[in-house]
Amino acid sequence: MDAQEPPPTAEAADAPAGPPSLPDADPGTGDGIPELVPLDPRVRKVWWLTGFIFVLQGVIVAGVVDLLAPLPTPTGLLTGAVLAGGTALAIVLPIIRYRRWGYALRERDLWIRHGVFWRNVSVIPYARLQFVDTRAGPLDRLFGLAQLVVHTAALGTSGQLPGLDSAEAERLRERLASVEADILAV
């Protein structure tokens, strides 16, 4: 006689099927994801320019290889492929990257989410902050942007928020510095 398996209990039906994964739902839905603040839209222009600078460098290298190396392909094919592929990536990646970036200042921590291929979530408790600074490269300054960098007590851990309006980055820096001072005073 074959033994029949007992029917699943109510507890087994309610149990999760596997390990929990990083939630991808909209922020503010009550599932633990904070309401995210997006980066300044001007950061896409900075990323596009940076991407095209890399494409230009790649086209120059491919052109030199195309002209000097004895390749079994027609002259210019490698350069054209690098130009087409690089341009497509330089256009599309900043759009996706912008959509994936977000941050939230919560009651006790800074929550940062980013990543095109790999999603990264950093939760930085205010109690762990050592110092906060802002940075702005030439392209950032051209577009009126800055980057907020928070450094923590743990070696090698920090959080970065690129593409913030310069005034907003300064405001956030001062706010996080005052939160750090409040925590130390307690």
C-alpha atoms as a PDB file:
ATOM      1  CA  MET A   1       0.000   0.000   0.000  1.00  0.00           C
ATOM      2  CA  ASP A   2       1.159   3.471  -0.838  1.00  0.00           C
ATOM      3  CA  ALA A   3       1.178   5.922   1.996  1.00  0.00           C
ATOM      4  CA  GLN A   4      -0.508   9.156   1.166  1.00  0.00           C
ATOM      5  CA  GLU A   5       1.031  12.457   2.205  1.00  0.00           C
ATOM      6  CA  PRO A   6      -1.050  14.468   4.620  1.00  0.00           C
ATOM      7  CA  PRO A   7      -2.540  17.683   3.236  1.00  0.00           C
ATOM      8  CA  PRO A   8      -0.450  20.794   3.878  1.00  0.00           C
ATOM      9  CA  THR A   9      -1.237  22.644   7.062  1.00  0.00           C
ATOM     10  CA  ALA A  10      -2.243  26.307   7.184  1.00  0.00           C
ATOM     11  CA  GLU A  11       1.205  27.231   8.543  1.00  0.00           C
ATOM     12  CA  ALA A  12       2.967  25.525   5.629  1.00  0.00           C
ATOM     13  CA  ALA A  13       0.754  27.324   3.112  1.00  0.00           C
ATOM     14  CA  ASP A  14       1.598  30.699   4.665  1.00  0.00           C
ATOM     15  CA  ALA A  15       5.349  30.041   4.817  1.00  0.00           C
ATOM     16  CA  PRO A  16       7.515  31.849   2.250  1.00  0.00           C
ATOM     17  CA  ALA A  17       8.594  29.690  -0.689  1.00  0.00           C
ATOM     18  CA  GLY A  18      12.230  30.708  -0.564  1.00  0.00           C
ATOM     19  CA  PRO A  19      14.651  33.219   0.867  1.00  0.00           C
ATOM     20  CA  PRO A  20      13.455  36.802   0.849  1.00  0.00           C
ATOM     21  CA  SER A  21      14.760  38.937  -1.990  1.00  0.00           C
ATOM     22  CA  LEU A  22      15.391  42.631  -2.326  1.00  0.00           C
ATOM     23  CA  PRO A  23      11.980  44.243  -2.691  1.00  0.00           C
ATOM     24  CA  ASP A  24      11.365  45.839  -6.056  1.00  0.00           C
ATOM     25  CA  ALA A  25       7.952  47.318  -5.296  1.00  0.00           C
ATOM     26  CA  ASP A  26       7.167  50.997  -5.340  1.00  0.00           C
ATOM     27  CA  PRO A  27       8.436  52.931  -2.348  1.00  0.00           C
ATOM     28  CA  GLY A  28       5.883  53.816   0.266  1.00  0.00           C
ATOM     29  CA  THR A  29       3.797  50.669  -0.153  1.00  0.00           C
ATOM     30  CA  GLY A  30       4.301  49.629   3.442  1.00  0.00           C
ATOM     31  CA  ASP A  31       6.649  46.740   2.636  1.00  0.00           C
ATOM     32  CA  GLY A  32       9.709  48.313   4.247  1.00  0.00           C
ATOM     33  CA  ILE A  33      10.916  50.391   1.309  1.00  0.00           C
ATOM     34  CA  PRO A  34      11.159  54.089   2.121  1.00  0.00           C
ATOM     35  CA  GLU A  35       9.883  56.796  -0.198  1.00  0.00           C
ATOM     36  CA  LEU A  36      12.913  57.405  -2.417  1.00  0.00           C
ATOM     37  CA  VAL A  37      14.140  60.801  -3.560  1.00  0.00           C
ATOM     38  CA  PRO A  38      15.481  60.694  -7.138  1.00  0.00           C
ATOM     39  CA  LEU A  39      18.708  62.340  -8.244  1.00  0.00           C
ATOM     40  CA  ASP A  40      18.667  65.623 -10.129  1.00  0.00           C
ATOM     41  CA  PRO A  41      17.757  64.926 -13.794  1.00  0.00           C
ATOM     42  CA  ARG A  42      20.784  66.941 -14.959  1.00  0.00           C
ATOM     43  CA  VAL A  43      23.014  64.072 -13.846  1.00  0.00           C
ATOM     44  CA  ARG A  44      21.963  62.184 -16.994  1.00  0.00           C
ATOM     45  CA  LYS A  45      23.679  64.858 -19.094  1.00  0.00           C
ATOM     46  CA  VAL A  46      26.878  64.428 -17.074  1.00  0.00           C
ATOM     47  CA  TRP A  47      26.694  60.645 -17.531  1.00  0.00           C
ATOM     48  CA  TRP A  48      25.979  61.013 -21.264  1.00  0.00           C
ATOM     49  CA  LEU A  49      28.985  63.296 -21.747  1.00  0.00           C
ATOM     50  CA  THR A  50      31.195  60.963 -19.719  1.00  0.00           C
ATOM     51  CA  GLY A  51      29.968  58.018 -21.785  1.00  0.00           C
ATOM     52  CA  PHE A  52      30.698  59.774 -25.068  1.00  0.00           C
ATOM     53  CA  ILE A  53      34.189  60.663 -23.860  1.00  0.00           C
ATOM     54  CA  PHE A  54      34.818  56.946 -23.234  1.00  0.00           C
ATOM     55  CA  VAL A  55      33.335  56.076 -26.643  1.00  0.00           C
ATOM     56  CA  LEU A  56      35.669  58.577 -28.303  1.00  0.00           C
ATOM     57  CA  GLN A  57      38.660  57.005 -26.552  1.00  0.00           C
ATOM     58  CA  GLY A  58      37.520  53.536 -27.618  1.00  0.00           C
ATOM     59  CA  VAL A  59      37.048  54.644 -31.232  1.00  0.00           C
ATOM     60  CA  ILE A  60      40.565  56.116 -31.304  1.00  0.00           C
ATOM     61  CA  VAL A  61      42.089  52.892 -29.947  1.00  0.00           C
ATOM     62  CA  ALA A  62      39.990  50.761 -32.328  1.00  0.00           C
ATOM     63  CA  GLY A  63      40.985  53.014 -35.250  1.00  0.00           C
ATOM     64  CA  VAL A  64      44.679  52.623 -34.477  1.00  0.00           C
ATOM     65  CA  VAL A  65      44.296  48.837 -34.148  1.00  0.00           C
ATOM     66  CA  ASP A  66      42.217  48.784 -37.334  1.00  0.00           C
ATOM     67  CA  LEU A  67      44.919  50.609 -39.291  1.00  0.00           C
ATOM     68  CA  LEU A  68      48.061  49.036 -37.834  1.00  0.00           C
ATOM     69  CA  ALA A  69      47.141  45.449 -36.981  1.00  0.00           C
ATOM     70  CA  PRO A  70      46.702  42.876 -39.741  1.00  0.00           C
ATOM     71  CA  LEU A  71      43.089  41.911 -39.023  1.00  0.00           C
ATOM     72  CA  PRO A  72      41.155  39.491 -41.258  1.00  0.00           C
ATOM     73  CA  THR A  73      38.232  41.958 -41.279  1.00  0.00           C
ATOM     74  CA  PRO A  74      37.758  44.912 -43.620  1.00  0.00           C
ATOM     75  CA  THR A  75      39.407  48.136 -42.497  1.00  0.00           C
ATOM     76  CA  GLY A  76      37.028  50.219 -40.400  1.00  0.00           C
ATOM     77  CA  LEU A  77      34.805  47.358 -39.281  1.00  0.00           C
ATOM     78  CA  LEU A  78      36.265  47.252 -35.758  1.00  0.00           C
ATOM     79  CA  THR A  79      36.094  51.043 -35.442  1.00  0.00           C
ATOM     80  CA  GLY A  80      32.491  51.094 -36.656  1.00  0.00           C
ATOM     81  CA  ALA A  81      31.482  48.317 -34.251  1.00  0.00           C
ATOM     82  CA  VAL A  82      33.069  50.136 -31.292  1.00  0.00           C
ATOM     83  CA  LEU A  83      31.396  53.388 -32.352  1.00  0.00           C
ATOM     84  CA  ALA A  84      27.934  51.816 -32.769  1.00  0.00           C
ATOM     85  CA  GLY A  85      28.051  49.655 -29.627  1.00  0.00           C
ATOM     86  CA  GLY A  86      29.645  52.325 -27.479  1.00  0.00           C
ATOM     87  CA  THR A  87      27.178  54.987 -28.597  1.00  0.00           C
ATOM     88  CA  ALA A  88      24.210  52.730 -27.867  1.00  0.00           C
ATOM     89  CA  LEU A  89      25.527  51.999 -24.370  1.00  0.00           C
ATOM     90  CA  ALA A  90      26.398  55.666 -23.748  1.00  0.00           C
ATOM     91  CA  ILE A  91      22.808  56.626 -24.562  1.00  0.00           C
ATOM     92  CA  VAL A  92      20.905  53.842 -22.783  1.00  0.00           C
ATOM     93  CA  LEU A  93      22.921  53.225 -19.607  1.00  0.00           C
ATOM     94  CA  PRO A  94      22.511  56.736 -18.115  1.00  0.00           C
ATOM     95  CA  ILE A  95      18.725  56.464 -18.524  1.00  0.00           C
ATOM     96  CA  ILE A  96      18.602  53.127 -16.695  1.00  0.00           C
ATOM     97  CA  ARG A  97      21.158  54.261 -14.125  1.00  0.00           C
ATOM     98  CA  TYR A  98      19.105  57.377 -13.316  1.00  0.00           C
ATOM     99  CA  ARG A  99      15.952  55.323 -12.775  1.00  0.00           C
ATOM    100  CA  ARG A 100      17.756  52.959 -10.407  1.00  0.00           C
ATOM    101  CA  TRP A 101      19.238  55.630  -8.141  1.00  0.00           C
ATOM    102  CA  GLY A 102      17.324  56.825  -5.103  1.00  0.00           C
ATOM    103  CA  TYR A 103      17.867  57.775  -1.497  1.00  0.00           C
ATOM    104  CA  ALA A 104      15.898  58.472   1.651  1.00  0.00           C
ATOM    105  CA  LEU A 105      16.735  60.196   4.912  1.00  0.00           C
ATOM    106  CA  ARG A 106      14.966  58.134   7.523  1.00  0.00           C
ATOM    107  CA  GLU A 107      14.704  58.692  11.252  1.00  0.00           C
ATOM    108  CA  ARG A 108      17.898  56.801  12.118  1.00  0.00           C
ATOM    109  CA  ASP A 109      19.670  56.159   8.833  1.00  0.00           C
ATOM    110  CA  LEU A 110      20.430  57.110   5.249  1.00  0.00           C
ATOM    111  CA  TRP A 111      19.009  54.617   2.719  1.00  0.00           C
ATOM    112  CA  ILE A 112      20.681  54.493  -0.741  1.00  0.00           C
ATOM    113  CA  ARG A 113      19.659  52.268  -3.671  1.00  0.00           C
ATOM    114  CA  HIS A 114      21.475  52.050  -7.015  1.00  0.00           C
ATOM    115  CA  GLY A 115      22.786  49.656  -9.631  1.00  0.00           C
ATOM    116  CA  VAL A 116      22.170  48.883 -13.289  1.00  0.00           C
ATOM    117  CA  PHE A 117      23.067  45.201 -13.419  1.00  0.00           C
ATOM    118  CA  TRP A 118      23.465  44.508  -9.706  1.00  0.00           C
ATOM    119  CA  ARG A 119      21.074  46.236  -7.316  1.00  0.00           C
ATOM    120  CA  ASN A 120      22.788  47.685  -4.268  1.00  0.00           C
ATOM    121  CA  VAL A 121      21.065  48.927  -1.154  1.00  0.00           C
ATOM    122  CA  SER A 122      23.092  50.658   1.555  1.00  0.00           C
ATOM    123  CA  VAL A 123      21.602  51.557   4.895  1.00  0.00           C
ATOM    124  CA  ILE A 124      23.962  53.826   6.783  1.00  0.00           C
ATOM    125  CA  PRO A 125      23.000  54.465  10.423  1.00  0.00           C
ATOM    126  CA  TYR A 126      23.577  58.060  11.504  1.00  0.00           C
ATOM    127  CA  ALA A 127      25.343  56.759  14.612  1.00  0.00           C
ATOM    128  CA  ARG A 128      28.071  55.281  12.348  1.00  0.00           C
ATOM    129  CA  LEU A 129      28.810  58.511  10.452  1.00  0.00           C
ATOM    130  CA  GLN A 130      32.326  59.886  10.881  1.00  0.00           C
ATOM    131  CA  PHE A 131      32.146  62.799   8.462  1.00  0.00           C
ATOM    132  CA  VAL A 132      30.226  63.992   5.429  1.00  0.00           C
ATOM    133  CA  ASP A 133      31.631  65.912   2.481  1.00  0.00           C
ATOM    134  CA  THR A 134      30.644  67.127  -0.962  1.00  0.00           C
ATOM    135  CA  ARG A 135      32.598  66.786  -4.190  1.00  0.00           C
ATOM    136  CA  ALA A 136      32.109  68.301  -7.628  1.00  0.00           C
ATOM    137  CA  GLY A 137      34.175  67.549 -10.701  1.00  0.00           C
ATOM    138  CA  PRO A 138      34.385  69.829 -13.752  1.00  0.00           C
ATOM    139  CA  LEU A 139      31.311  68.342 -15.459  1.00  0.00           C
ATOM    140  CA  ASP A 140      29.357  68.407 -12.197  1.00  0.00           C
ATOM    141  CA  ARG A 141      30.164  72.105 -11.734  1.00  0.00           C
ATOM    142  CA  LEU A 142      29.255  72.834 -15.370  1.00  0.00           C
ATOM    143  CA  PHE A 143      25.745  71.508 -14.686  1.00  0.00           C
ATOM    144  CA  GLY A 144      25.463  72.844 -11.113  1.00  0.00           C
ATOM    145  CA  LEU A 145      25.688  69.422  -9.478  1.00  0.00           C
ATOM    146  CA  ALA A 146      27.651  67.915  -6.607  1.00  0.00           C
ATOM    147  CA  GLN A 147      28.192  64.532  -4.977  1.00  0.00           C
ATOM    148  CA  LEU A 148      27.521  63.860  -1.297  1.00  0.00           C
ATOM    149  CA  VAL A 149      29.927  61.388   0.317  1.00  0.00           C
ATOM    150  CA  VAL A 150      29.310  59.959   3.785  1.00  0.00           C
ATOM    151  CA  HIS A 151      32.112  58.150   5.591  1.00  0.00           C
ATOM    152  CA  THR A 152      31.400  55.665   8.358  1.00  0.00           C
ATOM    153  CA  ALA A 153      33.278  54.259  11.313  1.00  0.00           C
ATOM    154  CA  ALA A 154      33.934  50.990   9.470  1.00  0.00           C
ATOM    155  CA  LEU A 155      37.026  51.064   7.291  1.00  0.00           C
ATOM    156  CA  GLY A 156      36.264  51.077   3.578  1.00  0.00           C
ATOM    157  CA  THR A 157      32.566  51.760   3.917  1.00  0.00           C
ATOM    158  CA  SER A 158      31.003  54.925   2.681  1.00  0.00           C
ATOM    159  CA  GLY A 159      27.966  56.019   0.787  1.00  0.00           C
ATOM    160  CA  GLN A 160      27.869  58.260  -2.250  1.00  0.00           C
ATOM    161  CA  LEU A 161      25.031  60.230  -3.757  1.00  0.00           C
ATOM    162  CA  PRO A 162      26.015  61.617  -7.156  1.00  0.00           C
ATOM    163  CA  GLY A 163      23.960  64.034  -9.177  1.00  0.00           C
ATOM    164  CA  LEU A 164      22.554  66.251  -6.456  1.00  0.00           C
ATOM    165  CA  ASP A 165      21.884  69.923  -7.019  1.00  0.00           C
ATOM    166  CA  SER A 166      24.827  71.788  -5.428  1.00  0.00           C
ATOM    167  CA  ALA A 167      22.600  73.608  -2.938  1.00  0.00           C
ATOM    168  CA  GLU A 168      20.788  70.364  -2.045  1.00  0.00           C
ATOM    169  CA  ALA A 169      24.117  68.568  -1.519  1.00  0.00           C
ATOM    170  CA  GLU A 170      25.264  71.344   0.828  1.00  0.00           C
ATOM    171  CA  ARG A 171      21.930  71.223   2.703  1.00  0.00           C
ATOM    172  CA  LEU A 172      22.144  67.435   3.080  1.00  0.00           C
ATOM    173  CA  ARG A 173      25.758  67.666   4.232  1.00  0.00           C
ATOM    174  CA  GLU A 174      24.846  70.176   6.937  1.00  0.00           C
ATOM    175  CA  ARG A 175      21.787  68.167   7.990  1.00  0.00           C
ATOM    176  CA  LEU A 176      23.761  64.919   8.275  1.00  0.00           C
ATOM    177  CA  ALA A 177      26.548  66.710  10.142  1.00  0.00           C
ATOM    178  CA  SER A 178      24.012  68.108  12.621  1.00  0.00           C
ATOM    179  CA  VAL A 179      22.428  64.654  13.072  1.00  0.00           C
ATOM    180  CA  GLU A 180      25.896  63.297  13.826  1.00  0.00           C
ATOM    181  CA  ALA A 181      26.444  66.060  16.409  1.00  0.00           C
ATOM    182  CA  ASP A 182      23.038  65.354  17.983  1.00  0.00           C
ATOM    183  CA  ILE A 183      23.874  61.648  18.333  1.00  0.00           C
ATOM    184  CA  LEU A 184      27.245  62.425  19.941  1.00  0.00           C
ATOM    185  CA  ALA A 185      25.591  64.847  22.398  1.00  0.00           C
ATOM    186  CA  VAL A 186      23.176  62.144  23.645  1.00  0.00           C
END
